[in-house]
C-alpha atoms as a PDB file:
ATOM      1  CA  MET A   1       1.628   4.573  22.562  1.00  0.00           C
ATOM      2  CA  LYS A   2       0.064   1.628  20.815  1.00  0.00           C
ATOM      3  CA  ILE A   3      -0.748   2.907  17.349  1.00  0.00           C
ATOM      4  CA  VAL A   4      -2.793   1.225  14.362  1.00  0.00           C
ATOM      5  CA  LEU A   5      -2.036   2.022  11.370  1.00  0.00           C
ATOM      6  CA  LEU A   6      -5.602   1.794   9.251  1.00  0.00           C
ATOM      7  CA  HIS A   7      -5.005   1.741   5.403  1.00  0.00           C
ATOM      8  CA  THR A   8      -7.091   0.385   2.575  1.00  0.00           C
ATOM      9  CA  ALA A   9      -6.831  -3.044   0.974  1.00  0.00           C
ATOM     10  CA  ASP A  10      -5.015  -2.996  -2.425  1.00  0.00           C
ATOM     11  CA  ALA A  11      -7.279  -4.236  -4.832  1.00  0.00           C
ATOM     12  CA  LEU A  12      -4.550  -4.342  -7.498  1.00  0.00           C
ATOM     13  CA  GLY A  13      -2.529  -6.430  -4.714  1.00  0.00           C
ATOM     14  CA  PRO A  14       1.346  -6.413  -4.536  1.00  0.00           C
ATOM     15  CA  PRO A  15       3.630  -4.291  -4.746  1.00  0.00           C
ATOM     16  CA  GLU A  16       2.324  -2.628  -1.471  1.00  0.00           C
ATOM     17  CA  ASP A  17       2.042   0.879  -1.179  1.00  0.00           C
ATOM     18  CA  PRO A  18       5.094   2.487  -0.297  1.00  0.00           C
ATOM     19  CA  VAL A  19       3.812   5.028   2.030  1.00  0.00           C
ATOM     20  CA  LEU A  20       2.626   2.063   4.746  1.00  0.00           C
ATOM     21  CA  GLY A  21       6.312   0.867   5.106  1.00  0.00           C
ATOM     22  CA  GLN A  22       7.405   4.767   5.568  1.00  0.00           C
ATOM     23  CA  VAL A  23       4.976   5.357   8.302  1.00  0.00           C
ATOM     24  CA  GLU A  24       5.321   2.475  10.235  1.00  0.00           C
ATOM     25  CA  GLY A  25       9.074   2.563  10.028  1.00  0.00           C
ATOM     26  CA  VAL A  26       8.843   6.294  11.425  1.00  0.00           C
ATOM     27  CA  LEU A  27       6.478   5.200  14.101  1.00  0.00           C
ATOM     28  CA  ALA A  28       8.624   2.383  15.143  1.00  0.00           C
ATOM     29  CA  GLU A  29      11.780   4.093  15.334  1.00  0.00           C
ATOM     30  CA  CYS A  30       9.862   6.837  18.075  1.00  0.00           C
ATOM     31  CA  GLY A  31       8.963   3.521  20.240  1.00  0.00           C
ATOM     32  CA  HIS A  32       5.966   3.331  19.510  1.00  0.00           C
ATOM     33  CA  GLU A  33       4.036  -0.030  19.025  1.00  0.00           C
ATOM     34  CA  VAL A  34       2.331  -0.175  15.443  1.00  0.00           C
ATOM     35  CA  LEU A  35       0.144  -2.604  14.245  1.00  0.00           C
ATOM     36  CA  ARG A  36      -1.739  -3.064  10.833  1.00  0.00           C
ATOM     37  CA  VAL A  37      -5.392  -2.830  10.180  1.00  0.00           C
ATOM     38  CA  THR A  38      -6.579  -3.317   6.873  1.00  0.00           C
ATOM     39  CA  VAL A  39     -10.211  -1.853   5.584  1.00  0.00           C
ATOM     40  CA  ASP A  40     -11.436  -4.369   3.236  1.00  0.00           C
ATOM     41  CA  ASP A  41     -15.159  -4.796   2.291  1.00  0.00           C
ATOM     42  CA  ASP A  42     -16.613  -6.233   5.666  1.00  0.00           C
ATOM     43  CA  VAL A  43     -16.896  -3.976   8.532  1.00  0.00           C
ATOM     44  CA  VAL A  44     -17.066  -6.444  10.777  1.00  0.00           C
ATOM     45  CA  PRO A  45     -13.540  -7.480  10.874  1.00  0.00           C
ATOM     46  CA  VAL A  46     -12.122  -3.777  10.991  1.00  0.00           C
ATOM     47  CA  MET A  47     -14.393  -3.541  14.137  1.00  0.00           C
ATOM     48  CA  ARG A  48     -13.314  -6.376  15.921  1.00  0.00           C
ATOM     49  CA  GLN A  49      -9.240  -5.679  15.064  1.00  0.00           C
ATOM     50  CA  LEU A  50      -9.495  -2.403  16.340  1.00  0.00           C
ATOM     51  CA  ARG A  51     -11.710  -3.277  19.571  1.00  0.00           C
ATOM     52  CA  VAL A  52      -9.095  -6.005  20.179  1.00  0.00           C
ATOM     53  CA  ALA A  53      -5.947  -3.391  19.394  1.00  0.00           C
ATOM     54  CA  ALA A  54      -7.665  -0.825  21.636  1.00  0.00           C
ATOM     55  CA  PRO A  55      -5.381   1.901  20.255  1.00  0.00           C
ATOM     56  CA  ASP A  56      -3.953   4.987  21.675  1.00  0.00           C
ATOM     57  CA  MET A  57      -4.040   6.297  18.450  1.00  0.00           C
ATOM     58  CA  VAL A  58      -5.042   5.463  15.087  1.00  0.00           C
ATOM     59  CA  PHE A  59      -3.097   6.641  12.019  1.00  0.00           C
ATOM     60  CA  ASN A  60      -5.820   6.988   9.368  1.00  0.00           C
ATOM     61  CA  LEU A  61      -4.473   6.257   6.047  1.00  0.00           C
ATOM     62  CA  ALA A  62      -7.515   4.375   4.740  1.00  0.00           C
ATOM     63  CA  GLU A  63      -8.586   6.352   1.425  1.00  0.00           C
ATOM     64  CA  GLY A  64     -12.179   4.463   1.222  1.00  0.00           C
ATOM     65  CA  PHE A  65     -14.387   1.438   1.619  1.00  0.00           C
ATOM     66  CA  ALA A  66     -15.006  -1.605  -0.490  1.00  0.00           C
ATOM     67  CA  GLY A  67     -13.259  -0.042  -3.252  1.00  0.00           C
ATOM     68  CA  LYS A  68     -15.577   2.948  -3.214  1.00  0.00           C
ATOM     69  CA  GLY A  69     -13.345   6.637  -2.308  1.00  0.00           C
ATOM     70  CA  ALA A  70     -16.754   8.129  -1.616  1.00  0.00           C
ATOM     71  CA  LEU A  71     -17.317   6.339   1.316  1.00  0.00           C
ATOM     72  CA  GLU A  72     -13.822   7.189   3.106  1.00  0.00           C
ATOM     73  CA  SER A  73     -15.924   9.613   5.256  1.00  0.00           C
ATOM     74  CA  ASN A  74     -17.610   6.677   6.752  1.00  0.00           C
ATOM     75  CA  VAL A  75     -14.594   4.977   7.788  1.00  0.00           C
ATOM     76  CA  ALA A  76     -13.578   8.147   9.795  1.00  0.00           C
ATOM     77  CA  ALA A  77     -17.292   7.691  11.100  1.00  0.00           C
ATOM     78  CA  LEU A  78     -16.807   4.638  12.534  1.00  0.00           C
ATOM     79  CA  LEU A  79     -13.766   5.467  14.206  1.00  0.00           C
ATOM     80  CA  ASN A  80     -15.860   8.032  16.115  1.00  0.00           C
ATOM     81  CA  LEU A  81     -18.405   5.533  16.868  1.00  0.00           C
ATOM     82  CA  LEU A  82     -15.612   3.312  18.705  1.00  0.00           C
ATOM     83  CA  GLY A  83     -14.415   6.116  20.534  1.00  0.00           C
ATOM     84  CA  LEU A  84     -11.003   6.031  18.979  1.00  0.00           C
ATOM     85  CA  HIS A  85      -8.666   9.283  18.423  1.00  0.00           C
ATOM     86  CA  TYR A  86      -7.207   9.342  14.916  1.00  0.00           C
ATOM     87  CA  THR A  87      -4.915  11.668  12.468  1.00  0.00           C
ATOM     88  CA  GLY A  88      -6.440  13.499   9.789  1.00  0.00           C
ATOM     89  CA  SER A  89      -9.767  14.945   9.123  1.00  0.00           C
ATOM     90  CA  SER A  90     -13.189  14.299  10.819  1.00  0.00           C
ATOM     91  CA  PRO A  91     -16.186  12.500   8.899  1.00  0.00           C
ATOM     92  CA  ALA A  92     -17.765  15.976   8.333  1.00  0.00           C
ATOM     93  CA  GLY A  93     -14.502  17.271   6.585  1.00  0.00           C
ATOM     94  CA  LEU A  94     -13.724  14.523   4.445  1.00  0.00           C
ATOM     95  CA  LEU A  95     -17.706  14.373   3.210  1.00  0.00           C
ATOM     96  CA  LEU A  96     -17.770  18.068   2.635  1.00  0.00           C
ATOM     97  CA  ALA A  97     -14.654  18.059   0.538  1.00  0.00           C
ATOM     98  CA  GLY A  98     -15.475  14.614  -0.960  1.00  0.00           C
ATOM     99  CA  ASP A  99     -18.506  16.221  -2.439  1.00  0.00           C
ATOM    100  CA  LYS A 100     -16.986  18.517  -5.398  1.00  0.00           C
ATOM    101  CA  ILE A 101     -20.282  20.185  -5.729  1.00  0.00           C
ATOM    102  CA  VAL A 102     -20.995  20.921  -2.434  1.00  0.00           C
ATOM    103  CA  ALA A 103     -17.301  21.707  -1.396  1.00  0.00           C
ATOM    104  CA  LYS A 104     -17.914  24.366  -4.111  1.00  0.00           C
ATOM    105  CA  LYS A 105     -20.979  26.132  -2.734  1.00  0.00           C
ATOM    106  CA  ILE A 106     -19.197  26.054   0.523  1.00  0.00           C
ATOM    107  CA  LEU A 107     -16.167  27.736  -0.825  1.00  0.00           C
ATOM    108  CA  ALA A 108     -18.512  30.459  -2.790  1.00  0.00           C
ATOM    109  CA  PHE A 109     -19.760  31.194   0.718  1.00  0.00           C
ATOM    110  CA  HIS A 110     -16.647  31.717   2.477  1.00  0.00           C
ATOM    111  CA  GLY A 111     -15.259  33.968  -0.759  1.00  0.00           C
ATOM    112  CA  VAL A 112     -12.859  31.327  -1.917  1.00  0.00           C
ATOM    113  CA  ARG A 113     -13.214  31.380  -5.909  1.00  0.00           C
ATOM    114  CA  THR A 114     -13.672  28.580  -7.844  1.00  0.00           C
ATOM    115  CA  PRO A 115     -14.765  27.799 -11.733  1.00  0.00           C
ATOM    116  CA  ARG A 116     -18.441  28.596 -12.192  1.00  0.00           C
ATOM    117  CA  PHE A 117     -20.217  25.421 -12.870  1.00  0.00           C
ATOM    118  CA  ALA A 118     -23.199  23.600 -13.530  1.00  0.00           C
ATOM    119  CA  SER A 119     -24.590  20.193 -11.515  1.00  0.00           C
ATOM    120  CA  VAL A 120     -26.421  17.484 -13.732  1.00  0.00           C
ATOM    121  CA  HIS A 121     -28.339  14.824 -12.429  1.00  0.00           C
ATOM    122  CA  ARG A 122     -30.509  12.416 -14.120  1.00  0.00           C
ATOM    123  CA  GLY A 123     -31.145  14.818 -16.574  1.00  0.00           C
ATOM    124  CA  THR A 124     -31.775  17.499 -14.714  1.00  0.00           C
ATOM    125  CA  VAL A 125     -30.193  20.583 -14.281  1.00  0.00           C
ATOM    126  CA  GLU A 126     -29.727  21.298 -10.009  1.00  0.00           C
ATOM    127  CA  TRP A 127     -27.760  24.383 -10.434  1.00  0.00           C
ATOM    128  CA  ALA A 128     -26.156  26.525 -13.391  1.00  0.00           C
ATOM    129  CA  ASP A 129     -24.019  29.461 -13.318  1.00  0.00           C
ATOM    130  CA  ASP A 130     -23.677  31.081 -16.572  1.00  0.00           C
ATOM    131  CA  LEU A 131     -21.195  29.148 -18.387  1.00  0.00           C
ATOM    132  CA  ALA A 132     -18.957  29.525 -21.651  1.00  0.00           C
ATOM    133  CA  PHE A 133     -16.731  27.001 -23.368  1.00  0.00           C
ATOM    134  CA  PRO A 134     -14.676  25.292 -23.141  1.00  0.00           C
ATOM    135  CA  LEU A 135     -16.261  23.308 -20.235  1.00  0.00           C
ATOM    136  CA  ILE A 136     -14.657  20.341 -18.359  1.00  0.00           C
ATOM    137  CA  VAL A 137     -16.795  17.289 -16.850  1.00  0.00           C
ATOM    138  CA  LYS A 138     -15.802  15.582 -13.708  1.00  0.00           C
ATOM    139  CA  PRO A 139     -17.756  13.034 -11.758  1.00  0.00           C
ATOM    140  CA  PRO A 140     -17.898  14.833  -8.063  1.00  0.00           C
ATOM    141  CA  LEU A 141     -17.705  11.533  -5.749  1.00  0.00           C
ATOM    142  CA  GLU A 142     -14.332  10.837  -6.891  1.00  0.00           C
ATOM    143  CA  ASP A 143     -10.807  11.224  -6.064  1.00  0.00           C
ATOM    144  CA  ALA A 144      -7.417  11.138  -7.867  1.00  0.00           C
ATOM    145  CA  SER A 145      -8.447  12.366 -11.005  1.00  0.00           C
ATOM    146  CA  LEU A 146     -10.515   9.033 -11.237  1.00  0.00           C
ATOM    147  CA  GLY A 147     -12.850   9.584 -14.492  1.00  0.00           C
ATOM    148  CA  VAL A 148     -11.282  12.666 -15.809  1.00  0.00           C
ATOM    149  CA  THR A 149      -9.164  12.523 -19.037  1.00  0.00           C
ATOM    150  CA  THR A 150      -8.517  14.884 -21.661  1.00  0.00           C
ATOM    151  CA  LYS A 151     -11.664  14.184 -23.155  1.00  0.00           C
ATOM    152  CA  SER A 152     -13.556  15.696 -20.308  1.00  0.00           C
ATOM    153  CA  VAL A 153     -12.473  18.859 -21.692  1.00  0.00           C
ATOM    154  CA  VAL A 154     -15.446  19.988 -24.145  1.00  0.00           C
ATOM    155  CA  ARG A 155     -15.843  22.511 -26.558  1.00  0.00           C
ATOM    156  CA  ASP A 156     -19.412  22.399 -27.743  1.00  0.00           C
ATOM    157  CA  VAL A 157     -22.785  21.239 -26.662  1.00  0.00           C
ATOM    158  CA  ARG A 158     -22.784  17.695 -28.412  1.00  0.00           C
ATOM    159  CA  GLU A 159     -19.538  16.948 -26.889  1.00  0.00           C
ATOM    160  CA  LEU A 160     -20.919  18.443 -23.587  1.00  0.00           C
ATOM    161  CA  LEU A 161     -23.949  16.012 -23.780  1.00  0.00           C
ATOM    162  CA  GLU A 162     -22.120  12.677 -24.608  1.00  0.00           C
ATOM    163  CA  THR A 163     -19.408  13.272 -21.733  1.00  0.00           C
ATOM    164  CA  ILE A 164     -22.345  14.102 -19.449  1.00  0.00           C
ATOM    165  CA  GLN A 165     -24.074  10.585 -20.564  1.00  0.00           C
ATOM    166  CA  ARG A 166     -21.121   8.501 -19.978  1.00  0.00           C
ATOM    167  CA  MET A 167     -19.958   9.977 -16.843  1.00  0.00           C
ATOM    168  CA  ARG A 168     -23.494   8.793 -15.504  1.00  0.00           C
ATOM    169  CA  ASP A 169     -23.597   5.507 -17.299  1.00  0.00           C
ATOM    170  CA  ASP A 170     -19.573   4.924 -15.724  1.00  0.00           C
ATOM    171  CA  PHE A 171     -20.229   6.337 -12.120  1.00  0.00           C
ATOM    172  CA  GLY A 172     -23.895   6.613 -11.868  1.00  0.00           C
ATOM    173  CA  GLN A 173     -23.301  10.164 -10.274  1.00  0.00           C
ATOM    174  CA  PRO A 174     -24.057  13.481 -10.923  1.00  0.00           C
ATOM    175  CA  ALA A 175     -21.909  15.281 -13.475  1.00  0.00           C
ATOM    176  CA  LEU A 176     -19.769  18.616 -12.237  1.00  0.00           C
ATOM    177  CA  VAL A 177     -20.034  20.905 -15.241  1.00  0.00           C
ATOM    178  CA  GLU A 178     -16.942  23.489 -14.711  1.00  0.00           C
ATOM    179  CA  GLU A 179     -15.393  26.245 -16.457  1.00  0.00           C
ATOM    180  CA  PHE A 180     -12.295  25.390 -17.930  1.00  0.00           C
ATOM    181  CA  ILE A 181      -9.551  27.376 -16.721  1.00  0.00           C
ATOM    182  CA  ASP A 182      -6.711  27.010 -19.248  1.00  0.00           C
ATOM    183  CA  GLY A 183      -3.427  28.002 -17.237  1.00  0.00           C
ATOM    184  CA  ARG A 184      -1.108  27.317 -14.604  1.00  0.00           C
ATOM    185  CA  GLU A 185      -1.690  24.594 -12.126  1.00  0.00           C
ATOM    186  CA  PHE A 186      -0.284  24.608  -8.607  1.00  0.00           C
ATOM    187  CA  TYR A 187      -0.125  22.737  -5.228  1.00  0.00           C
ATOM    188  CA  VAL A 188      -0.171  23.774  -1.848  1.00  0.00           C
ATOM    189  CA  GLY A 189      -0.038  21.775   0.995  1.00  0.00           C
ATOM    190  CA  VAL A 190      -1.637  22.899   4.305  1.00  0.00           C
ATOM    191  CA  LEU A 191      -0.489  21.591   7.759  1.00  0.00           C
ATOM    192  CA  GLY A 192      -2.108  22.042  11.417  1.00  0.00           C
ATOM    193  CA  ASN A 193      -5.370  23.496  13.030  1.00  0.00           C
ATOM    194  CA  GLU A 194      -5.814  26.624  14.861  1.00  0.00           C
ATOM    195  CA  SER A 195      -3.309  28.101  12.719  1.00  0.00           C
ATOM    196  CA  PRO A 196      -2.791  26.334   9.853  1.00  0.00           C
ATOM    197  CA  ARG A 197       0.296  26.734   7.830  1.00  0.00           C
ATOM    198  CA  ALA A 198       0.730  26.653   4.183  1.00  0.00           C
ATOM    199  CA  LEU A 199       3.694  24.980   2.740  1.00  0.00           C
ATOM    200  CA  PRO A 200       5.973  26.149  -0.204  1.00  0.00           C
ATOM    201  CA  VAL A 201       4.097  26.192  -3.593  1.00  0.00           C
ATOM    202  CA  MET A 202       4.359  23.464  -6.294  1.00  0.00           C
ATOM    203  CA  GLU A 203       3.677  23.598 -10.022  1.00  0.00           C
ATOM    204  CA  LEU A 204       2.093  20.946 -12.121  1.00  0.00           C
ATOM    205  CA  ASP A 205       4.750  21.176 -15.101  1.00  0.00           C
ATOM    206  CA  PHE A 206       2.812  20.684 -18.456  1.00  0.00           C
ATOM    207  CA  THR A 207       6.041  21.465 -20.346  1.00  0.00           C
ATOM    208  CA  GLY A 208       6.404  17.712 -22.146  1.00  0.00           C
ATOM    209  CA  PHE A 209       2.719  17.253 -22.238  1.00  0.00           C
ATOM    210  CA  PRO A 210       1.583  15.843 -25.802  1.00  0.00           C
ATOM    211  CA  LYS A 211       0.607  18.674 -28.101  1.00  0.00           C
ATOM    212  CA  GLY A 212      -2.867  19.213 -28.891  1.00  0.00           C
ATOM    213  CA  ARG A 213      -4.441  17.947 -25.549  1.00  0.00           C
ATOM    214  CA  PRO A 214      -5.940  20.035 -22.713  1.00  0.00           C
ATOM    215  CA  ARG A 215      -3.608  20.531 -20.121  1.00  0.00           C
ATOM    216  CA  ILE A 216      -5.404  18.882 -17.088  1.00  0.00           C
ATOM    217  CA  ALA A 217      -3.998  16.797 -14.248  1.00  0.00           C
ATOM    218  CA  SER A 218      -6.082  13.402 -16.153  1.00  0.00           C
ATOM    219  CA  PHE A 219      -6.157  10.116 -14.617  1.00  0.00           C
ATOM    220  CA  ALA A 220      -3.621   9.408 -16.730  1.00  0.00           C
ATOM    221  CA  ALA A 221      -1.427  11.988 -16.293  1.00  0.00           C
ATOM    222  CA  LYS A 222      -0.969  11.219 -12.471  1.00  0.00           C
ATOM    223  CA  TRP A 223      -0.805   7.644 -12.781  1.00  0.00           C
ATOM    224  CA  GLY A 224       0.090   6.529 -16.270  1.00  0.00           C
ATOM    225  CA  ASP A 225      -2.784   4.678 -17.446  1.00  0.00           C
ATOM    226  CA  ASP A 226      -4.434   6.272 -20.678  1.00  0.00           C
ATOM    227  CA  GLY A 227      -4.466   3.283 -23.102  1.00  0.00           C
ATOM    228  CA  ASP A 228      -1.383   4.751 -24.342  1.00  0.00           C
ATOM    229  CA  GLN A 229       1.559   2.320 -24.177  1.00  0.00           C
ATOM    230  CA  ARG A 230       4.111   4.961 -24.071  1.00  0.00           C
ATOM    231  CA  GLY A 231       2.336   7.032 -21.307  1.00  0.00           C
ATOM    232  CA  LEU A 232       2.420  10.366 -23.057  1.00  0.00           C
ATOM    233  CA  GLU A 233       0.455  12.155 -20.319  1.00  0.00           C
ATOM    234  CA  TYR A 234       2.275  10.610 -17.526  1.00  0.00           C
ATOM    235  CA  ALA A 235       5.676  11.114 -19.408  1.00  0.00           C
ATOM    236  CA  GLY A 236       4.663  14.421 -20.186  1.00  0.00           C
ATOM    237  CA  THR A 237       4.270  16.039 -16.818  1.00  0.00           C
ATOM    238  CA  ARG A 238       6.278  16.481 -13.451  1.00  0.00           C
ATOM    239  CA  SER A 239       5.794  18.468 -10.113  1.00  0.00           C
ATOM    240  CA  VAL A 240       8.237  21.061  -9.657  1.00  0.00           C
ATOM    241  CA  PHE A 241       8.884  24.143  -7.284  1.00  0.00           C
ATOM    242  CA  PRO A 242       8.291  27.043  -9.353  1.00  0.00           C
ATOM    243  CA  GLU A 243      10.966  29.960 -10.372  1.00  0.00           C
ATOM    244  CA  ARG A 244      10.326  33.444 -10.531  1.00  0.00           C
ATOM    245  CA  LEU A 245       6.528  33.345 -10.204  1.00  0.00           C
ATOM    246  CA  PRO A 246       4.803  36.758 -10.248  1.00  0.00           C
ATOM    247  CA  GLU A 247       5.284  39.008  -7.243  1.00  0.00           C
ATOM    248  CA  GLY A 248       2.592  38.033  -4.723  1.00  0.00           C
ATOM    249  CA  LEU A 249       1.420  34.970  -6.393  1.00  0.00           C
ATOM    250  CA  GLU A 250       2.687  32.682  -3.876  1.00  0.00           C
ATOM    251  CA  GLN A 251       0.984  34.345  -1.118  1.00  0.00           C
ATOM    252  CA  ARG A 252      -2.382  34.278  -2.983  1.00  0.00           C
ATOM    253  CA  LEU A 253      -2.328  30.875  -3.759  1.00  0.00           C
ATOM    254  CA  GLN A 254      -1.114  29.890  -0.253  1.00  0.00           C
ATOM    255  CA  ASP A 255      -3.928  32.538   1.424  1.00  0.00           C
ATOM    256  CA  ALA A 256      -6.600  30.990  -1.100  1.00  0.00           C
ATOM    257  CA  ALA A 257      -5.447  27.252  -0.014  1.00  0.00           C
ATOM    258  CA  THR A 258      -5.646  28.217   3.918  1.00  0.00           C
ATOM    259  CA  ARG A 259      -9.191  29.590   3.317  1.00  0.00           C
ATOM    260  CA  ALA A 260     -10.120  26.412   1.771  1.00  0.00           C
ATOM    261  CA  PHE A 261      -8.538  24.127   4.193  1.00  0.00           C
ATOM    262  CA  GLN A 262     -10.606  26.134   6.917  1.00  0.00           C
ATOM    263  CA  ALA A 263     -13.845  26.520   5.068  1.00  0.00           C
ATOM    264  CA  LEU A 264     -14.142  22.895   4.475  1.00  0.00           C
ATOM    265  CA  ARG A 265     -13.580  21.813   8.282  1.00  0.00           C
ATOM    266  CA  LEU A 266     -10.254  19.678   7.576  1.00  0.00           C
ATOM    267  CA  ARG A 267      -7.486  18.792  10.108  1.00  0.00           C
ATOM    268  CA  ASP A 268      -3.888  18.200  10.601  1.00  0.00           C
ATOM    269  CA  TYR A 269      -3.052  18.345   6.793  1.00  0.00           C
ATOM    270  CA  GLY A 270      -4.299  18.571   3.619  1.00  0.00           C
ATOM    271  CA  ARG A 271      -3.505  19.634  -0.136  1.00  0.00           C
ATOM    272  CA  ILE A 272      -5.267  22.015  -2.323  1.00  0.00           C
ATOM    273  CA  ASP A 273      -4.864  22.313  -5.862  1.00  0.00           C
ATOM    274  CA  LEU A 274      -5.257  25.580  -7.684  1.00  0.00           C
ATOM    275  CA  ARG A 275      -5.163  27.018 -10.868  1.00  0.00           C
ATOM    276  CA  MET A 276      -4.067  30.344 -12.220  1.00  0.00           C
ATOM    277  CA  SER A 277      -5.865  32.106 -15.797  1.00  0.00           C
ATOM    278  CA  HIS A 278      -4.048  33.688 -18.410  1.00  0.00           C
ATOM    279  CA  SER A 279      -5.041  37.022 -16.657  1.00  0.00           C
ATOM    280  CA  GLY A 280      -3.905  36.221 -13.609  1.00  0.00           C
ATOM    281  CA  GLU A 281      -6.825  35.064 -11.741  1.00  0.00           C
ATOM    282  CA  VAL A 282      -6.695  32.159  -8.847  1.00  0.00           C
ATOM    283  CA  PHE A 283      -9.106  29.065  -8.461  1.00  0.00           C
ATOM    284  CA  VAL A 284      -9.487  26.557  -6.057  1.00  0.00           C
ATOM    285  CA  ILE A 285     -10.208  23.354  -8.332  1.00  0.00           C
ATOM    286  CA  GLU A 286     -10.258  20.544  -5.651  1.00  0.00           C
ATOM    287  CA  VAL A 287      -9.641  20.021  -1.760  1.00  0.00           C
ATOM    288  CA  ASN A 288      -7.689  16.871  -0.854  1.00  0.00           C
ATOM    289  CA  PRO A 289      -8.187  15.987   3.037  1.00  0.00           C
ATOM    290  CA  ASN A 290      -5.621  13.325   4.053  1.00  0.00           C
ATOM    291  CA  CYS A 291      -3.808  13.721   1.167  1.00  0.00           C
ATOM    292  CA  TYR A 292      -1.079  11.293   0.146  1.00  0.00           C
ATOM    293  CA  LEU A 293       2.068  10.886   2.603  1.00  0.00           C
ATOM    294  CA  GLU A 294       4.662   9.041   0.529  1.00  0.00           C
ATOM    295  CA  ARG A 295       7.886  10.538   0.658  1.00  0.00           C
ATOM    296  CA  GLY A 296       8.123  11.505  -3.132  1.00  0.00           C
ATOM    297  CA  SER A 297       4.789  12.947  -2.934  1.00  0.00           C
ATOM    298  CA  GLU A 298       3.921  16.881  -3.495  1.00  0.00           C
ATOM    299  CA  PHE A 299       2.685  17.205  -0.047  1.00  0.00           C
ATOM    300  CA  ALA A 300       6.081  15.475   1.664  1.00  0.00           C
ATOM    301  CA  ARG A 301       8.814  17.445  -0.561  1.00  0.00           C
ATOM    302  CA  ALA A 302       6.618  20.757  -0.119  1.00  0.00           C
ATOM    303  CA  ALA A 303       7.043  20.189   3.828  1.00  0.00           C
ATOM    304  CA  ASP A 304      10.903  19.101   3.461  1.00  0.00           C
ATOM    305  CA  ARG A 305      11.229  22.492   1.279  1.00  0.00           C
ATOM    306  CA  ALA A 306       9.930  24.059   4.268  1.00  0.00           C
ATOM    307  CA  GLY A 307      12.393  22.356   7.002  1.00  0.00           C
ATOM    308  CA  ILE A 308      10.164  19.451   7.413  1.00  0.00           C
ATOM    309  CA  ALA A 309      12.161  16.351   6.987  1.00  0.00           C
ATOM    310  CA  HIS A 310       9.609  13.319   5.904  1.00  0.00           C
ATOM    311  CA  ALA A 311      10.097  11.407   9.287  1.00  0.00           C
ATOM    312  CA  ASP A 312       9.521  14.900  11.380  1.00  0.00           C
ATOM    313  CA  LEU A 313       6.618  15.442   9.163  1.00  0.00           C
ATOM    314  CA  ILE A 314       4.778  12.060  10.217  1.00  0.00           C
ATOM    315  CA  ARG A 315       5.706  12.522  13.764  1.00  0.00           C
ATOM    316  CA  ASN A 316       4.199  16.327  13.408  1.00  0.00           C
ATOM    317  CA  LEU A 317       0.790  14.293  12.473  1.00  0.00           C
ATOM    318  CA  LEU A 318       0.966  12.246  15.009  1.00  0.00           C
ATOM    319  CA  GLU A 319       1.281  15.021  17.037  1.00  0.00           C
ATOM    320  CA  LEU A 320      -1.380  17.641  15.938  1.00  0.00           C
ATOM    321  CA  ALA A 321      -3.685  14.674  16.133  1.00  0.00           C
ATOM    322  CA  ALA A 322      -2.899  14.121  19.995  1.00  0.00           C
ATOM    323  CA  ALA A 323      -3.129  17.856  20.724  1.00  0.00           C
ATOM    324  CA  ARG A 324      -6.786  17.949  19.254  1.00  0.00           C
ATOM    325  CA  TYR A 325      -7.687  15.417  21.316  1.00  0.00           C
ATOM    326  CA  ALA A 326      -5.968  17.030  24.590  1.00  0.00           C
ATOM    327  CA  ARG A 327      -8.119  19.867  24.310  1.00  0.00           C
END
């Protein structure tokens, strides 16, 4: 097939995201003709390149448009308008999962448990459960933990109001205020469509996390940029395959992940982030369609644990998308 590898321009410049070369290499080894198209801040060149390429399939790795992750669904919508076939979730799935407030409401309707929450926009409380401190404040339209720091966890009204205001100033979005689930954090990859399959569970291990800071997957913990030259949060976390989980927990995590994947109409693949409270309750905290596919990512490692090598995973995603369109 002729395949376009659609990806977002890296605002930071080189070095190149390794996933591009990895996916391109696998597809080329399979005999496909692979072309790259970069999504930048102008839609016209993207449309022109896609029309000229006339691909049989677009391998969609685009994570947003013009530097805005909230516009990720618009890229998929453009592919729909151009009548192109592509891997990953539809605009609907990307939009529903991309708005954490909307996602929580849909998950609640389907009986998938998430932390109790409130949403605040322009000083107005749009929705509020009965909440108890500590709470965590997040921007609902961002991914990759953007805007989430250990200071996002608040323990009194003063901290809450200050953090909501800071969120509004920095992101111009409503504030999502959730009860903070102080416990273990897990990742579950989901693969498939009609009968999606949950991959082995991974855990974010906080053993080395700095003492005194709330144990959360902050932006600093994920990417190493916390204003601390030593990168303590990044160095203090690692993704592992947990040992000796309580009986039945892995199945409960996988069931919750699969139900969340289906409730939000995701396609092909995604990663679900969950927390387990000290009392053993399981909560979905985030749903990530079109999750990161680099060989060392949690999703790829979990697939490998399930017997799906990285090259096979990439081929599998292509086949899942092709089968959808064939149906």
